[in-house]
Amino acid sequence: MANSRKIELLQETDLLSCFDESTLSKLVEHCREISLAPKEVLFNEDDLENAMYLILEGELEVFKGPK
């Protein structure tokens, strides 16, 4: 996805809508885009993560506890 489209999507999110385009551009430059296959796990409940994930396209299911 083009960076300009990513910035547009970020501007539409409640969390990031207060930032100007320049700030969002810097954010996009430091982000890594990943794609997941259907049913692929992004991370598990007890994993130690130091990341923030934004869903730009599609959907993600969230489970708490055993599936």
C-alpha atoms as a PDB file:
ATOM      1  CA  MET A   1       0.000   0.000   0.000  1.00  0.00           C
ATOM      2  CA  ALA A   2       1.320   3.448  -0.865  1.00  0.00           C
ATOM      3  CA  ASN A   3       2.444   5.649   2.023  1.00  0.00           C
ATOM      4  CA  SER A   4       0.007   8.366   0.971  1.00  0.00           C
ATOM      5  CA  ARG A   5      -2.893   5.919   1.368  1.00  0.00           C
ATOM      6  CA  LYS A   6      -1.579   4.799   4.773  1.00  0.00           C
ATOM      7  CA  ILE A   7      -1.511   8.432   5.908  1.00  0.00           C
ATOM      8  CA  GLU A   8      -5.100   8.898   4.728  1.00  0.00           C
ATOM      9  CA  LEU A   9      -6.208   5.846   6.712  1.00  0.00           C
ATOM     10  CA  LEU A  10      -4.356   6.986   9.824  1.00  0.00           C
ATOM     11  CA  GLN A  11      -6.006  10.416   9.575  1.00  0.00           C
ATOM     12  CA  GLU A  12      -9.377   8.647   9.736  1.00  0.00           C
ATOM     13  CA  THR A  13      -8.625   6.861  13.033  1.00  0.00           C
ATOM     14  CA  ASP A  14      -9.782   8.439  16.292  1.00  0.00           C
ATOM     15  CA  LEU A  15      -6.447   7.748  17.971  1.00  0.00           C
ATOM     16  CA  LEU A  16      -4.308   9.506  15.359  1.00  0.00           C
ATOM     17  CA  SER A  17      -6.638  12.058  13.766  1.00  0.00           C
ATOM     18  CA  CYS A  18      -5.191  14.895  15.871  1.00  0.00           C
ATOM     19  CA  PHE A  19      -1.767  14.599  14.207  1.00  0.00           C
ATOM     20  CA  ASP A  20      -0.832  16.583  11.120  1.00  0.00           C
ATOM     21  CA  GLU A  21       0.194  14.974   7.844  1.00  0.00           C
ATOM     22  CA  SER A  22       3.900  15.596   8.477  1.00  0.00           C
ATOM     23  CA  THR A  23       3.804  13.729  11.788  1.00  0.00           C
ATOM     24  CA  LEU A  24       1.833  10.851  10.308  1.00  0.00           C
ATOM     25  CA  SER A  25       4.289  10.688   7.421  1.00  0.00           C
ATOM     26  CA  LYS A  26       7.147  10.228   9.898  1.00  0.00           C
ATOM     27  CA  LEU A  27       5.157   7.545  11.685  1.00  0.00           C
ATOM     28  CA  VAL A  28       4.519   5.693   8.422  1.00  0.00           C
ATOM     29  CA  GLU A  29       8.237   5.850   7.558  1.00  0.00           C
ATOM     30  CA  HIS A  30       9.091   4.067  10.817  1.00  0.00           C
ATOM     31  CA  CYS A  31       6.383   1.414  10.558  1.00  0.00           C
ATOM     32  CA  ARG A  32       6.565  -2.012   9.058  1.00  0.00           C
ATOM     33  CA  GLU A  33       3.663  -3.375   7.066  1.00  0.00           C
ATOM     34  CA  ILE A  34       2.798  -7.037   7.519  1.00  0.00           C
ATOM     35  CA  SER A  35       0.164  -9.248   5.935  1.00  0.00           C
ATOM     36  CA  LEU A  36      -1.413 -12.236   7.604  1.00  0.00           C
ATOM     37  CA  ALA A  37      -2.972 -15.275   5.994  1.00  0.00           C
ATOM     38  CA  PRO A  38      -6.510 -16.226   7.036  1.00  0.00           C
ATOM     39  CA  LYS A  39      -6.501 -17.716  10.570  1.00  0.00           C
ATOM     40  CA  GLU A  40      -2.822 -16.785  11.063  1.00  0.00           C
ATOM     41  CA  VAL A  41      -2.013 -15.666  14.619  1.00  0.00           C
ATOM     42  CA  LEU A  42      -0.485 -12.206  15.055  1.00  0.00           C
ATOM     43  CA  PHE A  43       0.425 -12.792  18.698  1.00  0.00           C
ATOM     44  CA  ASN A  44      -0.807 -14.765  21.693  1.00  0.00           C
ATOM     45  CA  GLU A  45      -2.322 -13.402  24.893  1.00  0.00           C
ATOM     46  CA  ASP A  46       0.778 -14.036  27.043  1.00  0.00           C
ATOM     47  CA  ASP A  47       3.329 -12.819  24.488  1.00  0.00           C
ATOM     48  CA  LEU A  48       5.413  -9.845  25.561  1.00  0.00           C
ATOM     49  CA  GLU A  49       4.873  -7.276  22.833  1.00  0.00           C
ATOM     50  CA  ASN A  50       6.304  -3.789  22.553  1.00  0.00           C
ATOM     51  CA  ALA A  51       4.418  -2.876  19.423  1.00  0.00           C
ATOM     52  CA  MET A  52       1.230  -1.210  18.319  1.00  0.00           C
ATOM     53  CA  TYR A  53      -0.761  -2.727  15.482  1.00  0.00           C
ATOM     54  CA  LEU A  54      -3.113  -0.851  13.177  1.00  0.00           C
ATOM     55  CA  ILE A  55      -5.426  -2.791  10.912  1.00  0.00           C
ATOM     56  CA  LEU A  56      -5.394  -0.945   7.584  1.00  0.00           C
ATOM     57  CA  GLU A  57      -7.393  -3.490   5.589  1.00  0.00           C
ATOM     58  CA  GLY A  58      -9.510  -6.485   6.471  1.00  0.00           C
ATOM     59  CA  GLU A  59     -10.346  -7.614   9.961  1.00  0.00           C
ATOM     60  CA  LEU A  60      -8.757  -9.365  12.896  1.00  0.00           C
ATOM     61  CA  GLU A  61     -10.387 -11.607  15.498  1.00  0.00           C
ATOM     62  CA  VAL A  62      -9.366 -11.147  19.138  1.00  0.00           C
ATOM     63  CA  PHE A  63      -9.620 -14.013  21.628  1.00  0.00           C
ATOM     64  CA  LYS A  64      -9.112 -13.898  25.383  1.00  0.00           C
ATOM     65  CA  GLY A  65      -8.184 -17.164  27.046  1.00  0.00           C
ATOM     66  CA  PRO A  66      -8.472 -20.575  25.392  1.00  0.00           C
ATOM     67  CA  LYS A  67     -10.070 -20.666  21.963  1.00  0.00           C
END
